[in-house]
Structures are given as C-alpha cells and as structure tokens.
Amino acid sequence: HATRPYDAGRFEVCNHKWTALTEESRSAAVLNDCKYGVNVEGNSINLTLLRSPLAPDMTADKGKQEFTYAFCCGNGPFKDAGIIQQAYELNVPVTSINGSAETASLLSLDAGNVIIETVKPAEDGSGDVVIRLYEAFHNATSCCLSVGIPFKKAFETDMLENKVKGIEVKNGSIRLRFRPFEIKTLKLKVK
C-alpha cells in the first residue's frame, strides 16, 4: 500500500513461487518458477521478468533467459483454490527414473494447510533425512506425518539441524502441532 512514503517509493517486493489477489469467494494468481520481483497495483499483478542491473553484477540477466509463468484462478476461499499446490507443481516437476518398484508414498500428511517444503540429507553427513514443513494458511493445526521410509528415531531440530527434542513415533507416523505460519524441521535417524 502506498500510504507511507517508504511504501510508495518501492516498485516491487520479493515473492517466491506465487502471488495472489484474493477475495472470500475467488482468487487469481501468477505462478512462476524463477522470477521473484513482483508488484501489485490495483487489480494488476506485475511480474518482473528481466532487470539487468549494473551493480553489483554488470552481466546480470544478460543473454538467453528461460522461465515459466502461469495464471491460475480459483473459486471459493483461497485455502481451497489449490494455488499453493499448483505453484509447487510448477516449481518442482515430477522426476522419474528407469526401474521398477511398488507404488508407495515416502511422506504424506493428513492436513492440506501443512506443506512439505524440503526433504534432503542432513548437513552433518550422517545419512539422516531432514524434512522441513510449514503451515501455509494462518491456522493452528494438529496433523499426522506418515513416513514410508524406515527410520529409528525422529527429532525436532532448529533451522541449523541441531537437535531440540525427541519426537514420539507410532507405527511410522509422527503427530505434529503447528502455530499459524510456523516452520518445523525434523530429522529422521535412518542408520
């Protein structure tokens, strides 16, 4: 909002994956895979595709550029429009490799407002698996994370993957509680 001189002087803000205009009964969003400068004026979402600044890198954004963006609309409340899920599908397409295996899910959640953002090896080289999740719709939430890979113990960690506390595991499932917009990092001990 341009109600303060500081805000009026800004021409864009940084958004990752999606930017949406919403009402109680409908939403419209611009999704993107790698362009983060955006501004919204009135009913218009403006995505900066190229900037070519001279500082700090005089060669930034020069040459051939490839990117994908999409327009997405939804009826009903924003939480039901599926915009966040579609943004992730655009940014993290399905990868397949040759081979054969049974169909199984590595991770699943029973709450649509909690997003599994990252699954990666632990930074300490232990071979443990780190899972980062967040609550996306400003709702306190209790949910169950089902894990389809064998592991011995689970820990909640800080963002630097330092163990904070142990987590109870029942039949490969972990109960989690999230505050609105809370980020959690879990570490699964697999060896």
N, C-alpha and C. Protein backbone atom coordinates (compact mmCIF):
# COMPACT_ATOMS: atom_id res chain seq x y z
N HIS A 1 0.85 -1.18 0.00
CA HIS A 1 0.00 0.00 0.00
C HIS A 1 0.89 1.24 0.00
N ALA A 2 0.53 2.21 -0.81
CA ALA A 2 1.34 3.43 -0.93
C ALA A 2 0.89 4.49 0.06
N THR A 3 0.54 4.10 1.28
CA THR A 3 0.07 5.07 2.27
C THR A 3 1.21 5.77 2.99
N ARG A 4 2.41 5.22 2.92
CA ARG A 4 3.59 5.85 3.53
C ARG A 4 4.60 6.14 2.43
N PRO A 5 5.40 7.18 2.56
CA PRO A 5 6.40 7.50 1.52
C PRO A 5 7.33 6.33 1.22
N TYR A 6 7.73 5.58 2.26
CA TYR A 6 8.61 4.44 2.05
C TYR A 6 7.96 3.40 1.13
N ASP A 7 6.69 3.09 1.39
CA ASP A 7 5.99 2.10 0.58
C ASP A 7 5.70 2.62 -0.82
N ALA A 8 5.38 3.89 -0.93
CA ALA A 8 5.10 4.47 -2.25
C ALA A 8 6.34 4.44 -3.13
N GLY A 9 7.54 4.55 -2.52
CA GLY A 9 8.79 4.56 -3.29
C GLY A 9 9.25 3.19 -3.73
N ARG A 10 8.70 2.12 -3.16
CA ARG A 10 9.11 0.77 -3.56
C ARG A 10 8.41 0.40 -4.86
N PHE A 11 9.14 -0.23 -5.76
CA PHE A 11 8.50 -0.60 -7.01
C PHE A 11 8.21 -2.09 -7.10
N GLU A 12 8.82 -2.91 -6.22
CA GLU A 12 8.49 -4.32 -6.21
C GLU A 12 8.94 -4.94 -4.89
N VAL A 13 8.39 -6.11 -4.60
CA VAL A 13 8.79 -6.89 -3.44
C VAL A 13 9.20 -8.28 -3.93
N CYS A 14 9.78 -9.06 -3.05
CA CYS A 14 10.25 -10.40 -3.40
C CYS A 14 9.19 -11.43 -3.02
N ASN A 15 8.71 -12.19 -3.98
CA ASN A 15 7.78 -13.30 -3.75
C ASN A 15 8.31 -14.52 -4.47
N HIS A 16 8.22 -15.67 -3.83
CA HIS A 16 8.66 -16.92 -4.44
C HIS A 16 7.45 -17.76 -4.82
N LYS A 17 7.48 -18.36 -5.97
CA LYS A 17 6.52 -19.34 -6.47
C LYS A 17 5.17 -18.77 -6.90
N TRP A 18 4.56 -17.87 -6.12
CA TRP A 18 3.23 -17.38 -6.48
C TRP A 18 2.94 -16.03 -5.84
N THR A 19 2.03 -15.30 -6.47
CA THR A 19 1.48 -14.05 -5.93
C THR A 19 0.00 -14.07 -6.25
N ALA A 20 -0.85 -13.80 -5.27
CA ALA A 20 -2.30 -13.93 -5.48
C ALA A 20 -3.05 -12.69 -5.02
N LEU A 21 -4.12 -12.41 -5.74
CA LEU A 21 -5.14 -11.45 -5.31
C LEU A 21 -6.34 -12.29 -4.91
N THR A 22 -6.85 -12.09 -3.69
CA THR A 22 -7.92 -12.95 -3.22
C THR A 22 -9.08 -12.15 -2.63
N GLU A 23 -10.23 -12.75 -2.71
CA GLU A 23 -11.43 -12.31 -2.02
C GLU A 23 -11.96 -13.52 -1.27
N GLU A 24 -13.03 -13.39 -0.55
CA GLU A 24 -13.59 -14.54 0.18
C GLU A 24 -14.03 -15.66 -0.76
N SER A 25 -14.48 -15.32 -1.97
CA SER A 25 -15.05 -16.35 -2.83
C SER A 25 -14.29 -16.59 -4.13
N ARG A 26 -13.14 -15.95 -4.31
CA ARG A 26 -12.37 -16.20 -5.54
C ARG A 26 -10.94 -15.72 -5.37
N SER A 27 -10.07 -16.30 -6.21
CA SER A 27 -8.64 -15.96 -6.17
C SER A 27 -8.09 -15.97 -7.58
N ALA A 28 -7.10 -15.13 -7.81
CA ALA A 28 -6.36 -15.13 -9.07
C ALA A 28 -4.89 -15.01 -8.71
N ALA A 29 -4.04 -15.80 -9.37
CA ALA A 29 -2.62 -15.81 -9.01
C ALA A 29 -1.75 -15.91 -10.24
N VAL A 30 -0.55 -15.36 -10.13
CA VAL A 30 0.50 -15.56 -11.11
C VAL A 30 1.52 -16.47 -10.45
N LEU A 31 1.80 -17.61 -11.10
CA LEU A 31 2.78 -18.57 -10.63
C LEU A 31 4.05 -18.38 -11.44
N ASN A 32 5.21 -18.64 -10.83
CA ASN A 32 6.45 -18.53 -11.60
C ASN A 32 7.47 -19.49 -11.05
N ASP A 33 8.45 -19.85 -11.90
CA ASP A 33 9.44 -20.83 -11.48
C ASP A 33 10.79 -20.22 -11.10
N CYS A 34 11.02 -18.94 -11.34
CA CYS A 34 12.34 -18.39 -11.01
C CYS A 34 12.41 -16.87 -11.01
N LYS A 35 11.32 -16.19 -11.13
CA LYS A 35 11.31 -14.73 -11.14
C LYS A 35 10.64 -14.25 -9.86
N TYR A 36 11.34 -13.43 -9.08
CA TYR A 36 10.87 -13.13 -7.74
C TYR A 36 10.45 -11.69 -7.51
N GLY A 37 10.74 -10.77 -8.43
CA GLY A 37 10.33 -9.40 -8.26
C GLY A 37 8.90 -9.23 -8.74
N VAL A 38 8.03 -8.70 -7.87
CA VAL A 38 6.62 -8.55 -8.22
C VAL A 38 6.07 -7.29 -7.55
N ASN A 39 5.10 -6.66 -8.23
CA ASN A 39 4.35 -5.60 -7.56
C ASN A 39 2.88 -5.78 -7.92
N VAL A 40 2.04 -5.27 -7.06
CA VAL A 40 0.60 -5.35 -7.26
C VAL A 40 0.06 -3.94 -7.14
N GLU A 41 -0.57 -3.46 -8.21
CA GLU A 41 -1.19 -2.14 -8.21
C GLU A 41 -2.63 -2.31 -8.63
N GLY A 42 -3.53 -1.93 -7.75
CA GLY A 42 -4.94 -2.09 -8.06
C GLY A 42 -5.27 -3.56 -8.23
N ASN A 43 -5.79 -3.92 -9.40
CA ASN A 43 -6.14 -5.30 -9.69
C ASN A 43 -5.13 -5.97 -10.61
N SER A 44 -3.90 -5.48 -10.63
CA SER A 44 -2.89 -5.99 -11.55
C SER A 44 -1.70 -6.58 -10.78
N ILE A 45 -1.31 -7.79 -11.16
CA ILE A 45 -0.10 -8.40 -10.63
C ILE A 45 0.97 -8.27 -11.71
N ASN A 46 2.08 -7.61 -11.39
CA ASN A 46 3.13 -7.36 -12.37
C ASN A 46 4.39 -8.12 -11.96
N LEU A 47 4.82 -9.05 -12.78
CA LEU A 47 5.98 -9.88 -12.52
C LEU A 47 7.17 -9.36 -13.32
N THR A 48 8.26 -9.01 -12.65
CA THR A 48 9.46 -8.52 -13.34
C THR A 48 10.20 -9.72 -13.91
N LEU A 49 10.31 -9.76 -15.25
CA LEU A 49 10.96 -10.89 -15.91
C LEU A 49 12.46 -10.68 -16.06
N LEU A 50 12.90 -9.47 -16.38
CA LEU A 50 14.32 -9.16 -16.51
C LEU A 50 14.59 -7.79 -15.92
N ARG A 51 15.76 -7.64 -15.26
CA ARG A 51 16.12 -6.36 -14.67
C ARG A 51 17.39 -5.79 -15.28
N SER A 52 18.40 -6.62 -15.47
CA SER A 52 19.71 -6.21 -15.99
C SER A 52 20.31 -5.03 -15.23
N PRO A 53 20.48 -5.15 -13.91
CA PRO A 53 21.09 -4.07 -13.15
C PRO A 53 22.59 -3.96 -13.47
N LEU A 54 23.14 -2.80 -13.22
CA LEU A 54 24.57 -2.60 -13.45
C LEU A 54 25.40 -2.93 -12.21
N ALA A 55 24.78 -2.96 -11.05
CA ALA A 55 25.51 -3.29 -9.83
C ALA A 55 24.68 -4.27 -9.01
N PRO A 56 25.25 -5.23 -8.38
CA PRO A 56 26.68 -5.47 -8.24
C PRO A 56 27.28 -6.28 -9.40
N ASP A 57 26.46 -6.79 -10.33
CA ASP A 57 26.98 -7.60 -11.42
C ASP A 57 26.56 -6.97 -12.75
N MET A 58 27.49 -6.46 -13.51
CA MET A 58 27.18 -5.78 -14.77
C MET A 58 26.65 -6.73 -15.84
N THR A 59 26.82 -8.05 -15.64
CA THR A 59 26.36 -9.01 -16.64
C THR A 59 25.07 -9.73 -16.21
N ALA A 60 24.44 -9.29 -15.12
CA ALA A 60 23.24 -9.95 -14.62
C ALA A 60 22.12 -9.89 -15.66
N ASP A 61 21.40 -10.99 -15.80
CA ASP A 61 20.23 -11.11 -16.67
C ASP A 61 20.53 -10.87 -18.15
N LYS A 62 21.78 -10.89 -18.56
CA LYS A 62 22.10 -10.73 -19.97
C LYS A 62 22.21 -12.10 -20.61
N GLY A 63 21.92 -12.18 -21.89
CA GLY A 63 21.97 -13.45 -22.59
C GLY A 63 20.60 -14.11 -22.63
N LYS A 64 20.59 -15.36 -23.06
CA LYS A 64 19.34 -16.10 -23.20
C LYS A 64 18.75 -16.41 -21.82
N GLN A 65 17.47 -16.17 -21.67
CA GLN A 65 16.76 -16.41 -20.41
C GLN A 65 15.61 -17.38 -20.66
N GLU A 66 15.43 -18.33 -19.78
CA GLU A 66 14.30 -19.26 -19.87
C GLU A 66 13.58 -19.26 -18.54
N PHE A 67 12.26 -19.14 -18.59
CA PHE A 67 11.46 -19.16 -17.38
C PHE A 67 10.04 -19.56 -17.76
N THR A 68 9.30 -19.94 -16.75
CA THR A 68 7.90 -20.34 -16.94
C THR A 68 7.06 -19.56 -15.96
N TYR A 69 5.95 -19.06 -16.44
CA TYR A 69 4.98 -18.47 -15.54
C TYR A 69 3.59 -18.89 -15.99
N ALA A 70 2.65 -18.83 -15.09
CA ALA A 70 1.29 -19.29 -15.40
C ALA A 70 0.29 -18.43 -14.63
N PHE A 71 -0.91 -18.41 -15.12
CA PHE A 71 -2.01 -17.71 -14.46
C PHE A 71 -2.97 -18.76 -13.93
N CYS A 72 -3.41 -18.59 -12.70
CA CYS A 72 -4.25 -19.59 -12.04
C CYS A 72 -5.41 -18.88 -11.36
N CYS A 73 -6.61 -19.39 -11.55
CA CYS A 73 -7.82 -18.85 -10.91
C CYS A 73 -8.47 -19.92 -10.06
N GLY A 74 -9.16 -19.50 -9.02
CA GLY A 74 -9.88 -20.45 -8.19
C GLY A 74 -11.14 -19.83 -7.63
N ASN A 75 -12.17 -20.65 -7.48
CA ASN A 75 -13.41 -20.22 -6.84
C ASN A 75 -13.42 -20.72 -5.42
N GLY A 76 -14.07 -19.99 -4.55
CA GLY A 76 -14.11 -20.35 -3.15
C GLY A 76 -12.97 -19.68 -2.40
N PRO A 77 -12.83 -19.99 -1.12
CA PRO A 77 -11.77 -19.38 -0.32
C PRO A 77 -10.39 -19.75 -0.85
N PHE A 78 -9.39 -18.90 -0.58
CA PHE A 78 -8.03 -19.14 -1.05
C PHE A 78 -7.52 -20.51 -0.63
N LYS A 79 -7.80 -20.93 0.59
CA LYS A 79 -7.29 -22.20 1.09
C LYS A 79 -7.81 -23.39 0.29
N ASP A 80 -8.93 -23.22 -0.41
CA ASP A 80 -9.50 -24.32 -1.20
C ASP A 80 -9.16 -24.20 -2.69
N ALA A 81 -8.50 -23.13 -3.09
CA ALA A 81 -8.25 -22.89 -4.52
C ALA A 81 -7.10 -23.73 -5.08
N GLY A 82 -6.24 -24.28 -4.23
CA GLY A 82 -5.14 -25.11 -4.70
C GLY A 82 -3.99 -24.35 -5.32
N ILE A 83 -3.91 -23.04 -5.08
CA ILE A 83 -2.87 -22.21 -5.70
C ILE A 83 -1.48 -22.61 -5.22
N ILE A 84 -1.33 -22.82 -3.93
CA ILE A 84 0.00 -23.18 -3.41
C ILE A 84 0.44 -24.52 -3.99
N GLN A 85 -0.44 -25.50 -4.05
CA GLN A 85 -0.08 -26.80 -4.61
C GLN A 85 0.30 -26.68 -6.08
N GLN A 86 -0.45 -25.88 -6.85
CA GLN A 86 -0.12 -25.70 -8.26
C GLN A 86 1.22 -24.99 -8.44
N ALA A 87 1.54 -24.05 -7.54
CA ALA A 87 2.84 -23.37 -7.61
C ALA A 87 3.97 -24.36 -7.36
N TYR A 88 3.79 -25.27 -6.42
CA TYR A 88 4.81 -26.29 -6.18
C TYR A 88 4.92 -27.25 -7.37
N GLU A 89 3.82 -27.61 -7.99
CA GLU A 89 3.87 -28.48 -9.16
C GLU A 89 4.63 -27.82 -10.30
N LEU A 90 4.49 -26.50 -10.45
CA LEU A 90 5.24 -25.77 -11.48
C LEU A 90 6.72 -25.71 -11.14
N ASN A 91 7.05 -25.51 -9.86
CA ASN A 91 8.44 -25.33 -9.43
C ASN A 91 9.20 -26.63 -9.21
N VAL A 92 8.50 -27.68 -8.86
CA VAL A 92 9.15 -28.96 -8.58
C VAL A 92 8.43 -30.05 -9.38
N PRO A 93 8.72 -30.12 -10.69
CA PRO A 93 8.03 -31.11 -11.51
C PRO A 93 8.41 -32.54 -11.11
N VAL A 94 7.55 -33.47 -11.43
CA VAL A 94 7.79 -34.87 -11.12
C VAL A 94 9.02 -35.35 -11.88
N THR A 95 9.87 -36.06 -11.20
CA THR A 95 11.07 -36.64 -11.80
C THR A 95 10.92 -38.16 -11.78
N SER A 96 11.26 -38.79 -12.88
CA SER A 96 11.18 -40.25 -12.92
C SER A 96 12.50 -40.82 -13.43
N ILE A 97 12.77 -42.04 -13.01
CA ILE A 97 13.95 -42.75 -13.48
C ILE A 97 13.54 -44.15 -13.90
N ASN A 98 14.34 -44.79 -14.73
CA ASN A 98 14.05 -46.14 -15.17
C ASN A 98 14.21 -47.10 -14.01
N GLY A 99 13.39 -48.12 -13.99
CA GLY A 99 13.45 -49.13 -12.94
C GLY A 99 12.06 -49.62 -12.63
N SER A 100 11.97 -50.47 -11.64
CA SER A 100 10.65 -50.95 -11.25
C SER A 100 10.58 -51.02 -9.73
N ALA A 101 9.43 -50.75 -9.22
CA ALA A 101 9.20 -50.79 -7.77
C ALA A 101 7.71 -50.76 -7.54
N GLU A 102 7.34 -51.08 -6.34
CA GLU A 102 5.94 -50.96 -5.97
C GLU A 102 5.59 -49.49 -5.81
N THR A 103 4.33 -49.17 -5.90
CA THR A 103 3.89 -47.80 -5.68
C THR A 103 3.80 -47.55 -4.17
N ALA A 104 4.43 -46.48 -3.73
CA ALA A 104 4.41 -46.14 -2.32
C ALA A 104 4.64 -44.64 -2.17
N SER A 105 4.21 -44.11 -1.06
CA SER A 105 4.42 -42.70 -0.76
C SER A 105 5.51 -42.60 0.30
N LEU A 106 6.53 -41.77 0.04
CA LEU A 106 7.59 -41.59 1.03
C LEU A 106 7.08 -40.81 2.23
N LEU A 107 6.29 -39.77 1.98
CA LEU A 107 5.75 -38.93 3.04
C LEU A 107 4.33 -38.53 2.69
N SER A 108 3.47 -38.47 3.69
CA SER A 108 2.13 -37.94 3.45
C SER A 108 1.63 -37.27 4.72
N LEU A 109 0.78 -36.28 4.53
CA LEU A 109 0.20 -35.51 5.62
C LEU A 109 -1.31 -35.59 5.55
N ASP A 110 -1.96 -35.50 6.68
CA ASP A 110 -3.42 -35.51 6.69
C ASP A 110 -4.01 -34.11 6.85
N ALA A 111 -3.20 -33.07 6.63
CA ALA A 111 -3.67 -31.68 6.71
C ALA A 111 -3.25 -30.94 5.45
N GLY A 112 -4.20 -30.39 4.72
CA GLY A 112 -3.91 -29.70 3.46
C GLY A 112 -3.21 -28.36 3.63
N ASN A 113 -3.24 -27.80 4.83
CA ASN A 113 -2.62 -26.50 5.05
C ASN A 113 -1.17 -26.60 5.51
N VAL A 114 -0.65 -27.81 5.67
CA VAL A 114 0.75 -28.00 6.02
C VAL A 114 1.48 -28.49 4.76
N ILE A 115 2.55 -27.81 4.42
CA ILE A 115 3.30 -28.08 3.19
C ILE A 115 4.64 -28.71 3.55
N ILE A 116 4.97 -29.80 2.87
CA ILE A 116 6.31 -30.38 2.99
C ILE A 116 7.18 -29.61 2.00
N GLU A 117 8.03 -28.74 2.51
CA GLU A 117 8.84 -27.86 1.68
C GLU A 117 10.12 -28.53 1.20
N THR A 118 10.77 -29.29 2.08
CA THR A 118 12.09 -29.83 1.75
C THR A 118 12.24 -31.23 2.33
N VAL A 119 12.85 -32.11 1.54
CA VAL A 119 13.31 -33.42 2.01
C VAL A 119 14.73 -33.54 1.49
N LYS A 120 15.70 -33.71 2.41
CA LYS A 120 17.09 -33.69 1.98
C LYS A 120 17.95 -34.46 2.96
N PRO A 121 19.19 -34.79 2.54
CA PRO A 121 20.12 -35.41 3.50
C PRO A 121 20.54 -34.39 4.55
N ALA A 122 20.82 -34.87 5.74
CA ALA A 122 21.29 -33.99 6.81
C ALA A 122 22.63 -33.37 6.44
N GLU A 123 22.82 -32.12 6.87
CA GLU A 123 24.06 -31.40 6.57
C GLU A 123 25.28 -31.99 7.28
N ASP A 124 25.07 -32.75 8.35
CA ASP A 124 26.21 -33.29 9.11
C ASP A 124 26.83 -34.53 8.48
N GLY A 125 26.31 -34.98 7.34
CA GLY A 125 26.87 -36.13 6.65
C GLY A 125 26.52 -37.46 7.29
N SER A 126 25.58 -37.48 8.21
CA SER A 126 25.22 -38.70 8.95
C SER A 126 24.39 -39.68 8.12
N GLY A 127 23.82 -39.22 7.00
CA GLY A 127 22.91 -40.06 6.23
C GLY A 127 21.48 -39.95 6.71
N ASP A 128 21.25 -39.17 7.77
CA ASP A 128 19.88 -38.95 8.26
C ASP A 128 19.10 -38.12 7.26
N VAL A 129 17.79 -38.15 7.37
CA VAL A 129 16.91 -37.42 6.46
C VAL A 129 16.31 -36.23 7.21
N VAL A 130 16.36 -35.06 6.57
CA VAL A 130 15.78 -33.85 7.15
C VAL A 130 14.53 -33.48 6.35
N ILE A 131 13.47 -33.17 7.07
CA ILE A 131 12.19 -32.78 6.46
C ILE A 131 11.83 -31.41 7.03
N ARG A 132 11.55 -30.46 6.15
CA ARG A 132 11.13 -29.14 6.59
C ARG A 132 9.69 -28.93 6.13
N LEU A 133 8.82 -28.52 7.06
CA LEU A 133 7.40 -28.33 6.78
C LEU A 133 6.97 -26.96 7.30
N TYR A 134 5.87 -26.44 6.76
CA TYR A 134 5.32 -25.20 7.30
C TYR A 134 3.81 -25.17 7.15
N GLU A 135 3.18 -24.39 8.03
CA GLU A 135 1.72 -24.18 7.97
C GLU A 135 1.49 -22.98 7.08
N ALA A 136 0.63 -23.12 6.05
CA ALA A 136 0.50 -22.11 5.00
C ALA A 136 -0.71 -21.19 5.09
N PHE A 137 -1.71 -21.48 5.90
CA PHE A 137 -2.95 -20.72 5.85
C PHE A 137 -3.31 -19.98 7.14
N HIS A 138 -2.33 -19.71 7.99
CA HIS A 138 -2.56 -18.95 9.22
C HIS A 138 -3.54 -19.63 10.16
N ASN A 139 -3.42 -20.96 10.29
CA ASN A 139 -4.29 -21.74 11.17
C ASN A 139 -3.45 -22.60 12.10
N ALA A 140 -3.74 -22.56 13.38
CA ALA A 140 -3.13 -23.54 14.29
C ALA A 140 -3.64 -24.91 13.86
N THR A 141 -2.74 -25.88 13.76
CA THR A 141 -3.09 -27.16 13.16
C THR A 141 -2.41 -28.30 13.89
N SER A 142 -3.14 -29.39 14.04
CA SER A 142 -2.58 -30.64 14.50
C SER A 142 -2.70 -31.61 13.34
N CYS A 143 -1.61 -32.30 13.02
CA CYS A 143 -1.64 -33.20 11.86
C CYS A 143 -0.77 -34.42 12.11
N CYS A 144 -0.87 -35.37 11.19
CA CYS A 144 -0.08 -36.60 11.28
C CYS A 144 0.77 -36.72 10.02
N LEU A 145 2.08 -36.87 10.20
CA LEU A 145 3.01 -37.10 9.10
C LEU A 145 3.30 -38.59 9.06
N SER A 146 2.93 -39.24 7.95
CA SER A 146 3.22 -40.66 7.76
C SER A 146 4.48 -40.79 6.93
N VAL A 147 5.41 -41.59 7.43
CA VAL A 147 6.72 -41.73 6.79
C VAL A 147 6.84 -43.14 6.23
N GLY A 148 7.12 -43.24 4.92
CA GLY A 148 7.20 -44.53 4.25
C GLY A 148 8.61 -45.07 4.11
N ILE A 149 9.59 -44.42 4.72
CA ILE A 149 10.96 -44.93 4.69
C ILE A 149 11.32 -45.40 6.10
N PRO A 150 12.11 -46.48 6.21
CA PRO A 150 12.45 -46.96 7.54
C PRO A 150 13.38 -46.00 8.28
N PHE A 151 13.08 -45.74 9.55
CA PHE A 151 13.93 -44.89 10.37
C PHE A 151 13.83 -45.35 11.81
N LYS A 152 14.83 -45.02 12.62
CA LYS A 152 14.89 -45.49 14.00
C LYS A 152 14.32 -44.50 14.99
N LYS A 153 14.65 -43.21 14.82
CA LYS A 153 14.21 -42.17 15.75
C LYS A 153 13.91 -40.90 14.97
N ALA A 154 13.13 -40.01 15.60
CA ALA A 154 12.82 -38.72 15.00
C ALA A 154 13.10 -37.62 16.02
N PHE A 155 13.62 -36.52 15.51
CA PHE A 155 13.93 -35.37 16.35
C PHE A 155 13.40 -34.11 15.70
N GLU A 156 12.95 -33.17 16.53
CA GLU A 156 12.69 -31.83 16.03
C GLU A 156 14.00 -31.08 16.17
N THR A 157 14.34 -30.27 15.15
CA THR A 157 15.60 -29.53 15.17
C THR A 157 15.33 -28.05 14.95
N ASP A 158 16.38 -27.25 15.15
CA ASP A 158 16.28 -25.86 14.74
C ASP A 158 16.60 -25.77 13.25
N MET A 159 16.62 -24.59 12.69
CA MET A 159 16.87 -24.43 11.25
C MET A 159 18.27 -24.87 10.84
N LEU A 160 19.20 -24.92 11.81
CA LEU A 160 20.57 -25.36 11.52
C LEU A 160 20.73 -26.86 11.74
N GLU A 161 19.63 -27.55 11.98
CA GLU A 161 19.57 -29.00 12.15
C GLU A 161 20.20 -29.49 13.45
N ASN A 162 20.27 -28.62 14.46
CA ASN A 162 20.69 -29.02 15.80
C ASN A 162 19.48 -29.61 16.51
N LYS A 163 19.63 -30.77 17.12
CA LYS A 163 18.52 -31.43 17.78
C LYS A 163 17.99 -30.57 18.92
N VAL A 164 16.66 -30.42 18.96
CA VAL A 164 16.00 -29.66 20.01
C VAL A 164 15.31 -30.62 20.98
N LYS A 165 14.57 -31.59 20.42
CA LYS A 165 13.89 -32.57 21.28
C LYS A 165 13.52 -33.80 20.46
N GLY A 166 13.36 -34.90 21.16
CA GLY A 166 12.91 -36.13 20.52
C GLY A 166 11.42 -36.07 20.24
N ILE A 167 10.98 -36.82 19.25
CA ILE A 167 9.57 -36.85 18.87
C ILE A 167 9.07 -38.28 18.96
N GLU A 168 7.88 -38.45 19.52
CA GLU A 168 7.28 -39.78 19.63
C GLU A 168 6.83 -40.27 18.25
N VAL A 169 7.12 -41.52 17.96
CA VAL A 169 6.76 -42.13 16.69
C VAL A 169 5.89 -43.35 16.98
N LYS A 170 4.75 -43.45 16.28
CA LYS A 170 3.88 -44.62 16.41
C LYS A 170 3.60 -45.18 15.02
N ASN A 171 4.04 -46.40 14.78
CA ASN A 171 3.80 -47.09 13.50
C ASN A 171 4.22 -46.25 12.30
N GLY A 172 5.36 -45.61 12.37
CA GLY A 172 5.86 -44.81 11.25
C GLY A 172 5.16 -43.48 11.08
N SER A 173 4.38 -43.06 12.07
CA SER A 173 3.67 -41.79 11.99
C SER A 173 4.10 -40.86 13.12
N ILE A 174 4.12 -39.57 12.80
CA ILE A 174 4.53 -38.55 13.76
C ILE A 174 3.42 -37.52 13.89
N ARG A 175 2.94 -37.28 15.10
CA ARG A 175 1.94 -36.24 15.35
C ARG A 175 2.65 -34.91 15.51
N LEU A 176 2.17 -33.89 14.82
CA LEU A 176 2.77 -32.56 14.87
C LEU A 176 1.72 -31.51 15.15
N ARG A 177 2.11 -30.47 15.87
CA ARG A 177 1.25 -29.31 16.10
C ARG A 177 1.97 -28.09 15.55
N PHE A 178 1.23 -27.28 14.78
CA PHE A 178 1.78 -26.07 14.17
C PHE A 178 1.01 -24.85 14.66
N ARG A 179 1.75 -23.78 14.96
CA ARG A 179 1.13 -22.47 15.14
C ARG A 179 0.93 -21.88 13.75
N PRO A 180 0.13 -20.82 13.61
CA PRO A 180 -0.04 -20.21 12.29
C PRO A 180 1.30 -19.82 11.67
N PHE A 181 1.53 -20.24 10.45
CA PHE A 181 2.73 -19.97 9.65
C PHE A 181 4.02 -20.53 10.26
N GLU A 182 3.92 -21.44 11.19
CA GLU A 182 5.11 -22.00 11.82
C GLU A 182 5.88 -22.91 10.86
N ILE A 183 7.19 -22.87 10.96
CA ILE A 183 8.08 -23.75 10.20
C ILE A 183 8.65 -24.77 11.18
N LYS A 184 8.65 -26.04 10.79
CA LYS A 184 9.27 -27.09 11.62
C LYS A 184 10.30 -27.83 10.78
N THR A 185 11.40 -28.21 11.44
CA THR A 185 12.42 -29.03 10.81
C THR A 185 12.55 -30.31 11.61
N LEU A 186 12.43 -31.44 10.93
CA LEU A 186 12.53 -32.76 11.57
C LEU A 186 13.76 -33.47 11.03
N LYS A 187 14.35 -34.30 11.86
CA LYS A 187 15.49 -35.12 11.44
C LYS A 187 15.15 -36.56 11.77
N LEU A 188 15.18 -37.42 10.74
CA LEU A 188 14.91 -38.83 10.93
C LEU A 188 16.23 -39.59 10.94
N LYS A 189 16.48 -40.31 12.01
CA LYS A 189 17.70 -41.12 12.11
C LYS A 189 17.43 -42.43 11.38
N VAL A 190 18.13 -42.65 10.27
CA VAL A 190 17.86 -43.82 9.45
C VAL A 190 18.88 -44.93 9.63
N LYS A 191 20.01 -44.66 10.28
CA LYS A 191 21.04 -45.70 10.45
C LYS A 191 21.15 -46.07 11.92
